[in-house]
Amino acid sequence: MLYEYGGLYADLDMECLRPVDAALNGSDCIVSQEPLEHAEFLAPVGTPLVSNALLACRPGHPFLAHVIARLPSYTGWAAWNDVLWATGPYMLTTVYRAYDGRRWNADAAVTLAAADVFQPTPDDSMVDHMRRVCLRPDMVGGRRRALCGRLAAYDFGRRGVQPPSAFTVHHWTHSWVGRRNDPYGLLNDKMKRFDVADLIRPSSRVV
């Protein structure tokens, strides 16, 4: 759909905080990235962890053609991570990196938004897991130490307070998780459900 018609795609658990026009900044194609903590402590593909939760491109952009052409080579259903490889951020990250060498062509350029623009906060169902990773002896480097410090200070009660740089926030509902690919128990009491009406700000409600 994006390749044919262009526009903006966002997952259903993405909340818009303010109009995103300024964040798109006139780019022909822009992709989001997950929080740096995810890239460092959860994903096997490194930084940046390019996200398919929000992206916007003009019709016929060559990056989308590049993604579509490579989708058949990413498949698998045996493990949880295969979903992320087949259609998710692991696939998109590796495809994005393979495309990187063609950025010299302005018409084909892709803009990678900073993590705090579209996905400013980590997945709170993964914070405890990432904190345990931080206890490993190899988590002593400057970058990792700083990210571990951010995780240690993460306040679940302030989840709704977003940085001024944020245009959207990702609620990480994991609706794609199934009973056969749920290693962290997200399908049980940690799986978040919410009424879409709860995302409507009081000032915008129709009485």
C-alpha atoms as a PDB file:
ATOM      1  CA  MET A   1       0.000   0.000   0.000  1.00  0.00           C
ATOM      2  CA  LEU A   2       2.770   2.432   0.882  1.00  0.00           C
ATOM      3  CA  TYR A   3       4.700   1.626  -2.275  1.00  0.00           C
ATOM      4  CA  GLU A   4       1.629   2.065  -4.463  1.00  0.00           C
ATOM      5  CA  TYR A   5      -0.033   5.067  -2.833  1.00  0.00           C
ATOM      6  CA  GLY A   6       2.487   6.542  -0.391  1.00  0.00           C
ATOM      7  CA  GLY A   7       1.570   7.967   3.004  1.00  0.00           C
ATOM      8  CA  LEU A   8       2.191   7.110   6.629  1.00  0.00           C
ATOM      9  CA  TYR A   9       1.805   3.693   8.260  1.00  0.00           C
ATOM     10  CA  ALA A  10       1.581   3.245  12.034  1.00  0.00           C
ATOM     11  CA  ASP A  11       0.817   0.217  14.207  1.00  0.00           C
ATOM     12  CA  LEU A  12      -2.531   0.258  15.996  1.00  0.00           C
ATOM     13  CA  ASP A  13      -0.780   0.611  19.353  1.00  0.00           C
ATOM     14  CA  MET A  14       0.968   3.825  18.318  1.00  0.00           C
ATOM     15  CA  GLU A  15      -0.473   6.938  19.993  1.00  0.00           C
ATOM     16  CA  CYS A  16      -0.140  10.312  18.265  1.00  0.00           C
ATOM     17  CA  LEU A  17       0.821  13.079  20.710  1.00  0.00           C
ATOM     18  CA  ARG A  18       0.820  15.946  18.193  1.00  0.00           C
ATOM     19  CA  PRO A  19       0.747  16.421  14.408  1.00  0.00           C
ATOM     20  CA  VAL A  20       3.673  14.556  12.846  1.00  0.00           C
ATOM     21  CA  ASP A  21       4.179  16.842   9.830  1.00  0.00           C
ATOM     22  CA  ALA A  22       7.164  18.588  11.408  1.00  0.00           C
ATOM     23  CA  ALA A  23       8.779  15.239  12.273  1.00  0.00           C
ATOM     24  CA  LEU A  24       8.531  14.066   8.657  1.00  0.00           C
ATOM     25  CA  ASN A  25      10.490  17.187   7.695  1.00  0.00           C
ATOM     26  CA  GLY A  26       9.719  16.890   3.989  1.00  0.00           C
ATOM     27  CA  SER A  27      11.529  13.555   3.693  1.00  0.00           C
ATOM     28  CA  ASP A  28      10.627  11.316   0.746  1.00  0.00           C
ATOM     29  CA  CYS A  29      10.928   8.319   3.067  1.00  0.00           C
ATOM     30  CA  ILE A  30      11.357   8.190   6.826  1.00  0.00           C
ATOM     31  CA  VAL A  31      11.595   5.184   9.144  1.00  0.00           C
ATOM     32  CA  SER A  32      11.439   5.033  12.928  1.00  0.00           C
ATOM     33  CA  GLN A  33      13.709   3.178  15.311  1.00  0.00           C
ATOM     34  CA  GLU A  34      13.109   1.424  18.606  1.00  0.00           C
ATOM     35  CA  PRO A  35      14.609   2.736  21.861  1.00  0.00           C
ATOM     36  CA  LEU A  36      18.370   2.331  22.159  1.00  0.00           C
ATOM     37  CA  GLU A  37      17.834  -0.039  25.105  1.00  0.00           C
ATOM     38  CA  HIS A  38      16.015  -2.479  22.798  1.00  0.00           C
ATOM     39  CA  ALA A  39      18.817  -2.379  20.246  1.00  0.00           C
ATOM     40  CA  GLU A  40      21.477  -2.966  22.884  1.00  0.00           C
ATOM     41  CA  PHE A  41      19.840  -5.517  25.186  1.00  0.00           C
ATOM     42  CA  LEU A  42      17.097  -7.321  23.232  1.00  0.00           C
ATOM     43  CA  ALA A  43      17.852  -7.469  19.520  1.00  0.00           C
ATOM     44  CA  PRO A  44      20.559  -9.549  17.807  1.00  0.00           C
ATOM     45  CA  VAL A  45      20.953  -7.068  14.945  1.00  0.00           C
ATOM     46  CA  GLY A  46      22.576  -4.169  16.798  1.00  0.00           C
ATOM     47  CA  THR A  47      22.045  -0.422  16.585  1.00  0.00           C
ATOM     48  CA  PRO A  48      20.010   1.181  15.145  1.00  0.00           C
ATOM     49  CA  LEU A  49      17.047  -1.161  15.490  1.00  0.00           C
ATOM     50  CA  VAL A  50      14.876   0.029  12.603  1.00  0.00           C
ATOM     51  CA  SER A  51      11.192  -0.339  13.422  1.00  0.00           C
ATOM     52  CA  ASN A  52       8.244  -1.198  11.223  1.00  0.00           C
ATOM     53  CA  ALA A  53       5.842   0.335  13.796  1.00  0.00           C
ATOM     54  CA  LEU A  54       5.872   3.665  11.958  1.00  0.00           C
ATOM     55  CA  LEU A  55       7.173   4.612   8.522  1.00  0.00           C
ATOM     56  CA  ALA A  56       6.211   7.102   5.821  1.00  0.00           C
ATOM     57  CA  CYS A  57       7.254   7.207   2.162  1.00  0.00           C
ATOM     58  CA  ARG A  58       6.238   8.797  -1.121  1.00  0.00           C
ATOM     59  CA  PRO A  59       4.648   6.501  -3.737  1.00  0.00           C
ATOM     60  CA  GLY A  60       7.096   4.281  -5.597  1.00  0.00           C
ATOM     61  CA  HIS A  61      10.042   4.956  -3.304  1.00  0.00           C
ATOM     62  CA  PRO A  62      12.927   2.575  -4.153  1.00  0.00           C
ATOM     63  CA  PHE A  63      13.482   1.678  -0.488  1.00  0.00           C
ATOM     64  CA  LEU A  64      10.023   0.104  -0.336  1.00  0.00           C
ATOM     65  CA  ALA A  65      10.716  -1.746  -3.579  1.00  0.00           C
ATOM     66  CA  HIS A  66      13.952  -2.967  -1.961  1.00  0.00           C
ATOM     67  CA  VAL A  67      12.039  -4.206   1.116  1.00  0.00           C
ATOM     68  CA  ILE A  68       9.331  -5.927  -0.944  1.00  0.00           C
ATOM     69  CA  ALA A  69      11.890  -7.691  -3.153  1.00  0.00           C
ATOM     70  CA  ARG A  70      13.640  -9.157  -0.102  1.00  0.00           C
ATOM     71  CA  LEU A  71      10.616 -10.190   1.960  1.00  0.00           C
ATOM     72  CA  PRO A  72      10.491 -13.752   0.528  1.00  0.00           C
ATOM     73  CA  SER A  73      13.953 -14.463   1.949  1.00  0.00           C
ATOM     74  CA  TYR A  74      12.781 -13.743   5.517  1.00  0.00           C
ATOM     75  CA  THR A  75      10.528 -16.469   6.804  1.00  0.00           C
ATOM     76  CA  GLY A  76      10.080 -18.972   9.612  1.00  0.00           C
ATOM     77  CA  TRP A  77       7.522 -19.982  12.222  1.00  0.00           C
ATOM     78  CA  ALA A  78       9.371 -22.257  14.633  1.00  0.00           C
ATOM     79  CA  ALA A  79      10.494 -19.656  17.164  1.00  0.00           C
ATOM     80  CA  TRP A  80       9.307 -16.347  18.618  1.00  0.00           C
ATOM     81  CA  ASN A  81      12.113 -14.358  17.000  1.00  0.00           C
ATOM     82  CA  ASP A  82      11.157 -15.677  13.573  1.00  0.00           C
ATOM     83  CA  VAL A  83       8.153 -13.346  13.583  1.00  0.00           C
ATOM     84  CA  LEU A  84      10.504 -10.429  14.109  1.00  0.00           C
ATOM     85  CA  TRP A  85      12.716 -11.703  11.305  1.00  0.00           C
ATOM     86  CA  ALA A  86       9.882 -12.463   8.890  1.00  0.00           C
ATOM     87  CA  THR A  87       8.032  -9.145   8.913  1.00  0.00           C
ATOM     88  CA  GLY A  88       9.331  -7.153  11.864  1.00  0.00           C
ATOM     89  CA  PRO A  89      12.224  -4.953  12.980  1.00  0.00           C
ATOM     90  CA  TYR A  90      14.983  -7.555  12.547  1.00  0.00           C
ATOM     91  CA  MET A  91      14.035  -7.954   8.887  1.00  0.00           C
ATOM     92  CA  LEU A  92      13.662  -4.209   8.343  1.00  0.00           C
ATOM     93  CA  THR A  93      16.981  -3.439  10.059  1.00  0.00           C
ATOM     94  CA  THR A  94      18.989  -5.836   7.896  1.00  0.00           C
ATOM     95  CA  VAL A  95      17.234  -4.674   4.714  1.00  0.00           C
ATOM     96  CA  TYR A  96      17.809  -1.026   5.683  1.00  0.00           C
ATOM     97  CA  ARG A  97      21.522  -1.659   6.161  1.00  0.00           C
ATOM     98  CA  ALA A  98      21.808  -3.416   2.818  1.00  0.00           C
ATOM     99  CA  TYR A  99      20.144  -0.392   1.217  1.00  0.00           C
ATOM    100  CA  ASP A 100      22.416   2.098   2.973  1.00  0.00           C
ATOM    101  CA  GLY A 101      25.051   2.110   0.223  1.00  0.00           C
ATOM    102  CA  ARG A 102      22.663   3.761  -2.228  1.00  0.00           C
ATOM    103  CA  ARG A 103      21.977   6.849  -0.132  1.00  0.00           C
ATOM    104  CA  TRP A 104      24.082   9.011  -2.429  1.00  0.00           C
ATOM    105  CA  ASN A 105      21.002   9.312  -4.683  1.00  0.00           C
ATOM    106  CA  ALA A 106      18.851  12.051  -3.145  1.00  0.00           C
ATOM    107  CA  ASP A 107      15.658  10.692  -4.736  1.00  0.00           C
ATOM    108  CA  ALA A 108      16.293   7.329  -3.081  1.00  0.00           C
ATOM    109  CA  ALA A 109      17.379   8.581   0.353  1.00  0.00           C
ATOM    110  CA  VAL A 110      15.845   7.254   3.564  1.00  0.00           C
ATOM    111  CA  THR A 111      15.730   9.298   6.760  1.00  0.00           C
ATOM    112  CA  LEU A 112      16.162   7.439  10.055  1.00  0.00           C
ATOM    113  CA  ALA A 113      14.334   9.318  12.810  1.00  0.00           C
ATOM    114  CA  ALA A 114      15.892   9.477  16.250  1.00  0.00           C
ATOM    115  CA  ALA A 115      14.400   6.985  18.710  1.00  0.00           C
ATOM    116  CA  ASP A 116      12.911   9.699  20.931  1.00  0.00           C
ATOM    117  CA  VAL A 117      10.863  11.139  18.050  1.00  0.00           C
ATOM    118  CA  PHE A 118       8.449   8.248  17.485  1.00  0.00           C
ATOM    119  CA  GLN A 119       9.281   5.568  20.114  1.00  0.00           C
ATOM    120  CA  PRO A 120      10.706   7.446  23.096  1.00  0.00           C
ATOM    121  CA  THR A 121      10.089   4.894  25.862  1.00  0.00           C
ATOM    122  CA  PRO A 122      11.099   1.229  26.190  1.00  0.00           C
ATOM    123  CA  ASP A 123       8.665  -1.651  26.326  1.00  0.00           C
ATOM    124  CA  ASP A 124       7.812  -1.777  30.025  1.00  0.00           C
ATOM    125  CA  SER A 125       7.108  -5.527  29.866  1.00  0.00           C
ATOM    126  CA  MET A 126      10.783  -5.976  28.875  1.00  0.00           C
ATOM    127  CA  VAL A 127      12.357  -3.554  31.373  1.00  0.00           C
ATOM    128  CA  ASP A 128      12.917  -6.147  34.103  1.00  0.00           C
ATOM    129  CA  HIS A 129      14.492  -8.534  31.588  1.00  0.00           C
ATOM    130  CA  MET A 130      16.798  -5.780  30.308  1.00  0.00           C
ATOM    131  CA  ARG A 131      17.713  -4.838  33.881  1.00  0.00           C
ATOM    132  CA  ARG A 132      18.800  -8.443  34.486  1.00  0.00           C
ATOM    133  CA  VAL A 133      20.937  -8.289  31.338  1.00  0.00           C
ATOM    134  CA  CYS A 134      22.583  -5.195  32.819  1.00  0.00           C
ATOM    135  CA  LEU A 135      23.853  -7.299  35.736  1.00  0.00           C
ATOM    136  CA  ARG A 136      26.166  -9.275  33.450  1.00  0.00           C
ATOM    137  CA  PRO A 137      29.915  -8.549  33.824  1.00  0.00           C
ATOM    138  CA  ASP A 138      30.263  -7.494  30.177  1.00  0.00           C
ATOM    139  CA  MET A 139      27.860  -4.555  30.667  1.00  0.00           C
ATOM    140  CA  VAL A 140      30.639  -2.235  31.790  1.00  0.00           C
ATOM    141  CA  GLY A 141      31.274  -0.165  28.647  1.00  0.00           C
ATOM    142  CA  GLY A 142      30.424   3.531  28.594  1.00  0.00           C
ATOM    143  CA  ARG A 143      27.430   3.276  26.260  1.00  0.00           C
ATOM    144  CA  ARG A 144      26.029   0.171  27.940  1.00  0.00           C
ATOM    145  CA  ARG A 145      26.585   1.611  31.399  1.00  0.00           C
ATOM    146  CA  ALA A 146      24.656   4.754  30.441  1.00  0.00           C
ATOM    147  CA  LEU A 147      21.758   2.724  29.036  1.00  0.00           C
ATOM    148  CA  CYS A 148      21.730   0.484  32.110  1.00  0.00           C
ATOM    149  CA  GLY A 149      21.551   3.625  34.216  1.00  0.00           C
ATOM    150  CA  ARG A 150      18.502   4.776  32.260  1.00  0.00           C
ATOM    151  CA  LEU A 151      16.847   1.395  32.791  1.00  0.00           C
ATOM    152  CA  ALA A 152      17.624   1.456  36.513  1.00  0.00           C
ATOM    153  CA  ALA A 153      15.963   4.862  36.776  1.00  0.00           C
ATOM    154  CA  TYR A 154      12.970   3.930  34.625  1.00  0.00           C
ATOM    155  CA  ASP A 155       9.782   4.876  36.476  1.00  0.00           C
ATOM    156  CA  PHE A 156       6.729   2.872  35.419  1.00  0.00           C
ATOM    157  CA  GLY A 157       4.497   5.461  37.067  1.00  0.00           C
ATOM    158  CA  ARG A 158       5.753   8.161  34.694  1.00  0.00           C
ATOM    159  CA  ARG A 159       5.085   6.081  31.568  1.00  0.00           C
ATOM    160  CA  GLY A 160       2.679   8.720  30.280  1.00  0.00           C
ATOM    161  CA  VAL A 161       5.212  11.544  30.571  1.00  0.00           C
ATOM    162  CA  GLN A 162       6.970  11.845  27.223  1.00  0.00           C
ATOM    163  CA  PRO A 163       9.968  14.001  26.266  1.00  0.00           C
ATOM    164  CA  PRO A 164       9.207  17.208  24.349  1.00  0.00           C
ATOM    165  CA  SER A 165      10.875  15.705  21.266  1.00  0.00           C
ATOM    166  CA  ALA A 166       8.213  12.964  21.005  1.00  0.00           C
ATOM    167  CA  PHE A 167       5.528  13.083  18.323  1.00  0.00           C
ATOM    168  CA  THR A 168       4.166   9.596  19.005  1.00  0.00           C
ATOM    169  CA  VAL A 169       4.529   6.862  21.608  1.00  0.00           C
ATOM    170  CA  HIS A 170       4.500   3.098  21.120  1.00  0.00           C
ATOM    171  CA  HIS A 171       2.412   1.134  23.658  1.00  0.00           C
ATOM    172  CA  TRP A 172       4.023  -2.252  22.876  1.00  0.00           C
ATOM    173  CA  THR A 173       0.847  -4.372  23.196  1.00  0.00           C
ATOM    174  CA  HIS A 174       2.440  -7.443  21.500  1.00  0.00           C
ATOM    175  CA  SER A 175      -0.845  -8.429  19.865  1.00  0.00           C
ATOM    176  CA  TRP A 176       1.135 -10.619  17.440  1.00  0.00           C
ATOM    177  CA  VAL A 177       2.270 -12.968  20.240  1.00  0.00           C
ATOM    178  CA  GLY A 178       0.757 -16.467  20.173  1.00  0.00           C
ATOM    179  CA  ARG A 179       0.782 -19.322  22.663  1.00  0.00           C
ATOM    180  CA  ARG A 180       3.585 -21.117  20.801  1.00  0.00           C
ATOM    181  CA  ASN A 181       5.880 -18.087  20.589  1.00  0.00           C
ATOM    182  CA  ASP A 182       5.667 -16.366  23.971  1.00  0.00           C
ATOM    183  CA  PRO A 183       8.999 -16.796  25.800  1.00  0.00           C
ATOM    184  CA  TYR A 184       8.434 -13.975  28.286  1.00  0.00           C
ATOM    185  CA  GLY A 185       4.886 -14.846  29.343  1.00  0.00           C
ATOM    186  CA  LEU A 186       3.421 -11.792  27.646  1.00  0.00           C
ATOM    187  CA  LEU A 187       0.227 -13.625  26.782  1.00  0.00           C
ATOM    188  CA  ASN A 188      -0.724 -13.806  30.434  1.00  0.00           C
ATOM    189  CA  ASP A 189      -1.117 -10.929  32.890  1.00  0.00           C
ATOM    190  CA  LYS A 190       1.661  -8.886  31.264  1.00  0.00           C
ATOM    191  CA  MET A 191      -0.204  -8.611  27.969  1.00  0.00           C
ATOM    192  CA  LYS A 192      -1.610  -5.098  27.885  1.00  0.00           C
ATOM    193  CA  ARG A 193      -5.116  -4.415  26.643  1.00  0.00           C
ATOM    194  CA  PHE A 194      -6.705  -1.006  26.467  1.00  0.00           C
ATOM    195  CA  ASP A 195      -9.784   0.690  25.087  1.00  0.00           C
ATOM    196  CA  VAL A 196      -9.016   2.919  22.125  1.00  0.00           C
ATOM    197  CA  ALA A 197     -11.272   5.546  23.747  1.00  0.00           C
ATOM    198  CA  ASP A 198      -8.678   5.828  26.525  1.00  0.00           C
ATOM    199  CA  LEU A 199      -6.245   7.336  24.010  1.00  0.00           C
ATOM    200  CA  ILE A 200      -8.566  10.252  23.258  1.00  0.00           C
ATOM    201  CA  ARG A 201      -7.496  13.273  25.231  1.00  0.00           C
ATOM    202  CA  PRO A 202     -10.263  14.821  27.434  1.00  0.00           C
ATOM    203  CA  SER A 203     -10.237  18.098  25.489  1.00  0.00           C
ATOM    204  CA  SER A 204     -11.011  16.264  22.251  1.00  0.00           C
ATOM    205  CA  ARG A 205     -13.878  14.113  23.511  1.00  0.00           C
ATOM    206  CA  VAL A 206     -17.274  14.713  21.946  1.00  0.00           C
ATOM    207  CA  VAL A 207     -19.923  15.165  24.658  1.00  0.00           C
END
